[in-house]
Structure formats: structure tokens, C-alpha cells
Amino acid sequence: MDIEKTIQAIADSQLRAERRMELADQRADRADQRADRAEQRADRADKRMDRFDLKLRSTADLVRQGIKMVLQMRAYQAEMKKSQKELDFKFNALVDSQLRTDEALRKTDEKFNRLIEVLRRRNGNGHR
């Protein structure tokens, strides 16, 4: 009967080993499932990062274009400022010229009025 107990012990041991093996397989299956889910999450994260990178590149392109526009606007403003100074100079010259012309016309009017007064005082062919 010792042999029967030994065989029974071996069978029990084998049964326990098979149960442990089955539990180990189940744990391995769950670990594989977790790994698969982790891989899927990593794939989704990669896709999100790719979309973010695309948006970031687009934003960088927009910023570069914006900087170019700002530089162009500064150059345009500098050009306009120069043109405005030239226009102001010409306008001031025109105002000055108009003032001189007005003064010359005023003097001419005074001389003309004096001439008319002189001519009015004369009554006729040199006779008073």
C-alpha cells in the first residue's frame, strides 16, 4: 500500500502542478491582455502626439508668417514715415510760399491804391 500512497501522492502532486500551470497560464493570458491594452493605449498616445506635432508645426509656420508680416509692416511704416516727412516739408514750403505771395500781393495792392490816390488828386491835364 505504500506504492498506492506514493502513486496517489504523485497523482495529487501532478494535479496540483497542473492547477498551478493552469493558474499560471491564466495569469499569463491576463498579462498578455494587459500588454495588449497598454500597446493600444500607447498607439492612441502616439496618434495624439502626431496630431499635436502637426498642430505645433502648423502653429510654428503661422508664427513665421506672422513675423514676416510684422517685418513687412515695419518696413512699410518706415517708408510711410519718410514719405510723410517729405510731404510735411513740401506742404510747409507751399504754406511759406503762399504767405510770401500774400505779403507780396498786399504790398502790390498798397502800391496800387497809392497810385490810384495820386491819380485821383490830379484833376486834369496837369491843371489844378
C-alpha atoms as a PDB file:
ATOM      1  CA  MET A   1       0.000   0.000   0.000  1.00  0.00           C
ATOM      2  CA  ASP A   2       2.902   2.214   0.233  1.00  0.00           C
ATOM      3  CA  ILE A   3       3.018   2.109  -3.510  1.00  0.00           C
ATOM      4  CA  GLU A   4      -0.614   3.161  -3.699  1.00  0.00           C
ATOM      5  CA  LYS A   5       0.050   6.085  -1.354  1.00  0.00           C
ATOM      6  CA  THR A   6       3.080   7.029  -3.404  1.00  0.00           C
ATOM      7  CA  ILE A   7       1.092   6.809  -6.631  1.00  0.00           C
ATOM      8  CA  GLN A   8      -1.698   8.784  -5.001  1.00  0.00           C
ATOM      9  CA  ALA A   9       0.822  11.383  -3.773  1.00  0.00           C
ATOM     10  CA  ILE A  10       2.345  11.602  -7.243  1.00  0.00           C
ATOM     11  CA  ALA A  11      -1.131  11.950  -8.796  1.00  0.00           C
ATOM     12  CA  ASP A  12      -2.062  14.647  -6.252  1.00  0.00           C
ATOM     13  CA  SER A  13       1.223  16.373  -6.882  1.00  0.00           C
ATOM     14  CA  GLN A  14       0.651  16.153 -10.625  1.00  0.00           C
ATOM     15  CA  LEU A  15      -2.886  17.539 -10.180  1.00  0.00           C
ATOM     16  CA  ARG A  16      -1.582  20.447  -8.079  1.00  0.00           C
ATOM     17  CA  ALA A  17       1.126  21.107 -10.672  1.00  0.00           C
ATOM     18  CA  GLU A  18      -1.481  21.120 -13.442  1.00  0.00           C
ATOM     19  CA  ARG A  19      -3.653  23.546 -11.431  1.00  0.00           C
ATOM     20  CA  ARG A  20      -0.653  25.791 -10.818  1.00  0.00           C
ATOM     21  CA  MET A  21       0.164  25.543 -14.521  1.00  0.00           C
ATOM     22  CA  GLU A  22      -3.433  26.443 -15.404  1.00  0.00           C
ATOM     23  CA  LEU A  23      -3.365  29.388 -12.992  1.00  0.00           C
ATOM     24  CA  ALA A  24      -0.018  30.452 -14.420  1.00  0.00           C
ATOM     25  CA  ASP A  25      -1.487  30.240 -17.943  1.00  0.00           C
ATOM     26  CA  GLN A  26      -4.467  32.327 -16.827  1.00  0.00           C
ATOM     27  CA  ARG A  27      -2.129  34.902 -15.266  1.00  0.00           C
ATOM     28  CA  ALA A  28      -0.045  34.906 -18.446  1.00  0.00           C
ATOM     29  CA  ASP A  29      -3.215  35.403 -20.531  1.00  0.00           C
ATOM     30  CA  ARG A  30      -4.269  38.326 -18.313  1.00  0.00           C
ATOM     31  CA  ALA A  31      -0.769  39.767 -18.555  1.00  0.00           C
ATOM     32  CA  ASP A  32      -0.937  39.441 -22.352  1.00  0.00           C
ATOM     33  CA  GLN A  33      -4.305  41.188 -22.343  1.00  0.00           C
ATOM     34  CA  ARG A  34      -2.898  43.987 -20.168  1.00  0.00           C
ATOM     35  CA  ALA A  35       0.083  44.250 -22.507  1.00  0.00           C
ATOM     36  CA  ASP A  36      -2.267  44.424 -25.499  1.00  0.00           C
ATOM     37  CA  ARG A  37      -4.312  47.161 -23.820  1.00  0.00           C
ATOM     38  CA  ALA A  38      -1.120  49.015 -22.922  1.00  0.00           C
ATOM     39  CA  GLU A  39       0.028  48.740 -26.522  1.00  0.00           C
ATOM     40  CA  GLN A  40      -3.318  50.082 -27.723  1.00  0.00           C
ATOM     41  CA  ARG A  41      -3.050  52.995 -25.275  1.00  0.00           C
ATOM     42  CA  ALA A  42       0.484  53.635 -26.495  1.00  0.00           C
ATOM     43  CA  ASP A  43      -0.758  53.610 -30.110  1.00  0.00           C
ATOM     44  CA  ARG A  44      -3.501  56.097 -29.241  1.00  0.00           C
ATOM     45  CA  ALA A  45      -0.964  58.252 -27.403  1.00  0.00           C
ATOM     46  CA  ASP A  46       1.325  58.124 -30.456  1.00  0.00           C
ATOM     47  CA  LYS A  47      -1.553  59.255 -32.663  1.00  0.00           C
ATOM     48  CA  ARG A  48      -2.351  62.095 -30.251  1.00  0.00           C
ATOM     49  CA  MET A  49       1.313  63.116 -30.246  1.00  0.00           C
ATOM     50  CA  ASP A  50       1.391  63.002 -34.047  1.00  0.00           C
ATOM     51  CA  ARG A  51      -1.680  65.263 -34.191  1.00  0.00           C
ATOM     52  CA  PHE A  52      -0.120  67.561 -31.608  1.00  0.00           C
ATOM     53  CA  ASP A  53       3.145  67.671 -33.572  1.00  0.00           C
ATOM     54  CA  LEU A  54       1.213  68.553 -36.720  1.00  0.00           C
ATOM     55  CA  LYS A  55      -0.613  71.340 -34.898  1.00  0.00           C
ATOM     56  CA  LEU A  56       2.645  72.549 -33.405  1.00  0.00           C
ATOM     57  CA  ARG A  57       4.315  72.638 -36.836  1.00  0.00           C
ATOM     58  CA  SER A  58       1.301  74.494 -38.241  1.00  0.00           C
ATOM     59  CA  THR A  59       1.466  76.984 -35.398  1.00  0.00           C
ATOM     60  CA  ALA A  60       5.193  77.446 -35.955  1.00  0.00           C
ATOM     61  CA  ASP A  61       4.527  78.091 -39.660  1.00  0.00           C
ATOM     62  CA  LEU A  62       1.860  80.660 -38.743  1.00  0.00           C
ATOM     63  CA  VAL A  63       4.241  82.368 -36.332  1.00  0.00           C
ATOM     64  CA  ARG A  64       6.936  82.518 -39.017  1.00  0.00           C
ATOM     65  CA  GLN A  65       4.461  84.046 -41.468  1.00  0.00           C
ATOM     66  CA  GLY A  66       3.305  86.475 -38.794  1.00  0.00           C
ATOM     67  CA  ILE A  67       6.872  87.559 -38.126  1.00  0.00           C
ATOM     68  CA  LYS A  68       7.389  88.147 -41.850  1.00  0.00           C
ATOM     69  CA  MET A  69       4.207  90.225 -41.935  1.00  0.00           C
ATOM     70  CA  VAL A  70       5.292  92.261 -38.916  1.00  0.00           C
ATOM     71  CA  LEU A  71       8.666  92.941 -40.532  1.00  0.00           C
ATOM     72  CA  GLN A  72       6.963  93.957 -43.773  1.00  0.00           C
ATOM     73  CA  MET A  73       4.614  96.242 -41.851  1.00  0.00           C
ATOM     74  CA  ARG A  74       7.561  97.845 -40.056  1.00  0.00           C
ATOM     75  CA  ALA A  75       9.302  98.467 -43.368  1.00  0.00           C
ATOM     76  CA  TYR A  76       6.079  99.891 -44.805  1.00  0.00           C
ATOM     77  CA  GLN A  77       5.631 102.117 -41.749  1.00  0.00           C
ATOM     78  CA  ALA A  78       9.206 103.375 -42.068  1.00  0.00           C
ATOM     79  CA  GLU A  79       8.586 104.139 -45.735  1.00  0.00           C
ATOM     80  CA  MET A  80       5.331 105.896 -44.901  1.00  0.00           C
ATOM     81  CA  LYS A  81       7.035 107.907 -42.152  1.00  0.00           C
ATOM     82  CA  LYS A  82       9.689 109.028 -44.635  1.00  0.00           C
ATOM     83  CA  SER A  83       7.009 109.911 -47.204  1.00  0.00           C
ATOM     84  CA  GLN A  84       5.068 111.800 -44.523  1.00  0.00           C
ATOM     85  CA  LYS A  85       8.163 113.824 -43.619  1.00  0.00           C
ATOM     86  CA  GLU A  86       8.710 114.681 -47.285  1.00  0.00           C
ATOM     87  CA  LEU A  87       5.055 115.629 -47.650  1.00  0.00           C
ATOM     88  CA  ASP A  88       5.212 117.775 -44.499  1.00  0.00           C
ATOM     89  CA  PHE A  89       8.319 119.520 -45.833  1.00  0.00           C
ATOM     90  CA  LYS A  90       6.650 120.216 -49.187  1.00  0.00           C
ATOM     91  CA  PHE A  91       3.435 121.353 -47.504  1.00  0.00           C
ATOM     92  CA  ASN A  92       5.362 123.721 -45.221  1.00  0.00           C
ATOM     93  CA  ALA A  93       7.229 125.048 -48.248  1.00  0.00           C
ATOM     94  CA  LEU A  94       3.908 125.599 -50.019  1.00  0.00           C
ATOM     95  CA  VAL A  95       2.456 127.388 -46.975  1.00  0.00           C
ATOM     96  CA  ASP A  96       5.576 129.567 -46.768  1.00  0.00           C
ATOM     97  CA  SER A  97       5.344 130.331 -50.468  1.00  0.00           C
ATOM     98  CA  GLN A  98       1.665 131.227 -50.107  1.00  0.00           C
ATOM     99  CA  LEU A  99       2.426 133.538 -47.188  1.00  0.00           C
ATOM    100  CA  ARG A 100       5.168 135.276 -49.188  1.00  0.00           C
ATOM    101  CA  THR A 101       2.808 135.570 -52.158  1.00  0.00           C
ATOM    102  CA  ASP A 102       0.089 137.020 -49.912  1.00  0.00           C
ATOM    103  CA  GLU A 103       2.567 139.531 -48.477  1.00  0.00           C
ATOM    104  CA  ALA A 104       3.784 140.489 -51.957  1.00  0.00           C
ATOM    105  CA  LEU A 105       0.182 140.868 -53.144  1.00  0.00           C
ATOM    106  CA  ARG A 106      -0.630 143.008 -50.100  1.00  0.00           C
ATOM    107  CA  LYS A 107       2.327 145.278 -50.901  1.00  0.00           C
ATOM    108  CA  THR A 108       1.292 145.427 -54.544  1.00  0.00           C
ATOM    109  CA  ASP A 109      -2.271 146.328 -53.506  1.00  0.00           C
ATOM    110  CA  GLU A 110      -0.934 149.093 -51.257  1.00  0.00           C
ATOM    111  CA  LYS A 111       1.171 150.498 -54.089  1.00  0.00           C
ATOM    112  CA  PHE A 112      -1.761 150.259 -56.481  1.00  0.00           C
ATOM    113  CA  ASN A 113      -4.041 152.026 -54.012  1.00  0.00           C
ATOM    114  CA  ARG A 114      -1.450 154.799 -53.550  1.00  0.00           C
ATOM    115  CA  LEU A 115      -1.224 155.127 -57.333  1.00  0.00           C
ATOM    116  CA  ILE A 116      -4.981 155.443 -57.602  1.00  0.00           C
ATOM    117  CA  GLU A 117      -4.954 158.122 -54.859  1.00  0.00           C
ATOM    118  CA  VAL A 118      -2.258 160.011 -56.695  1.00  0.00           C
ATOM    119  CA  LEU A 119      -4.197 159.797 -59.936  1.00  0.00           C
ATOM    120  CA  ARG A 120      -7.416 160.951 -58.237  1.00  0.00           C
ATOM    121  CA  ARG A 121      -5.735 164.023 -56.820  1.00  0.00           C
ATOM    122  CA  ARG A 122      -4.900 165.131 -60.311  1.00  0.00           C
ATOM    123  CA  ASN A 123      -7.891 166.748 -61.791  1.00  0.00           C
ATOM    124  CA  GLY A 124      -6.969 167.203 -65.249  1.00  0.00           C
ATOM    125  CA  ASN A 125      -4.188 167.603 -67.670  1.00  0.00           C
ATOM    126  CA  GLY A 126      -1.791 168.910 -65.168  1.00  0.00           C
ATOM    127  CA  HIS A 127      -4.096 171.779 -64.055  1.00  0.00           C
ATOM    128  CA  ARG A 128      -5.169 172.065 -60.559  1.00  0.00           C
END
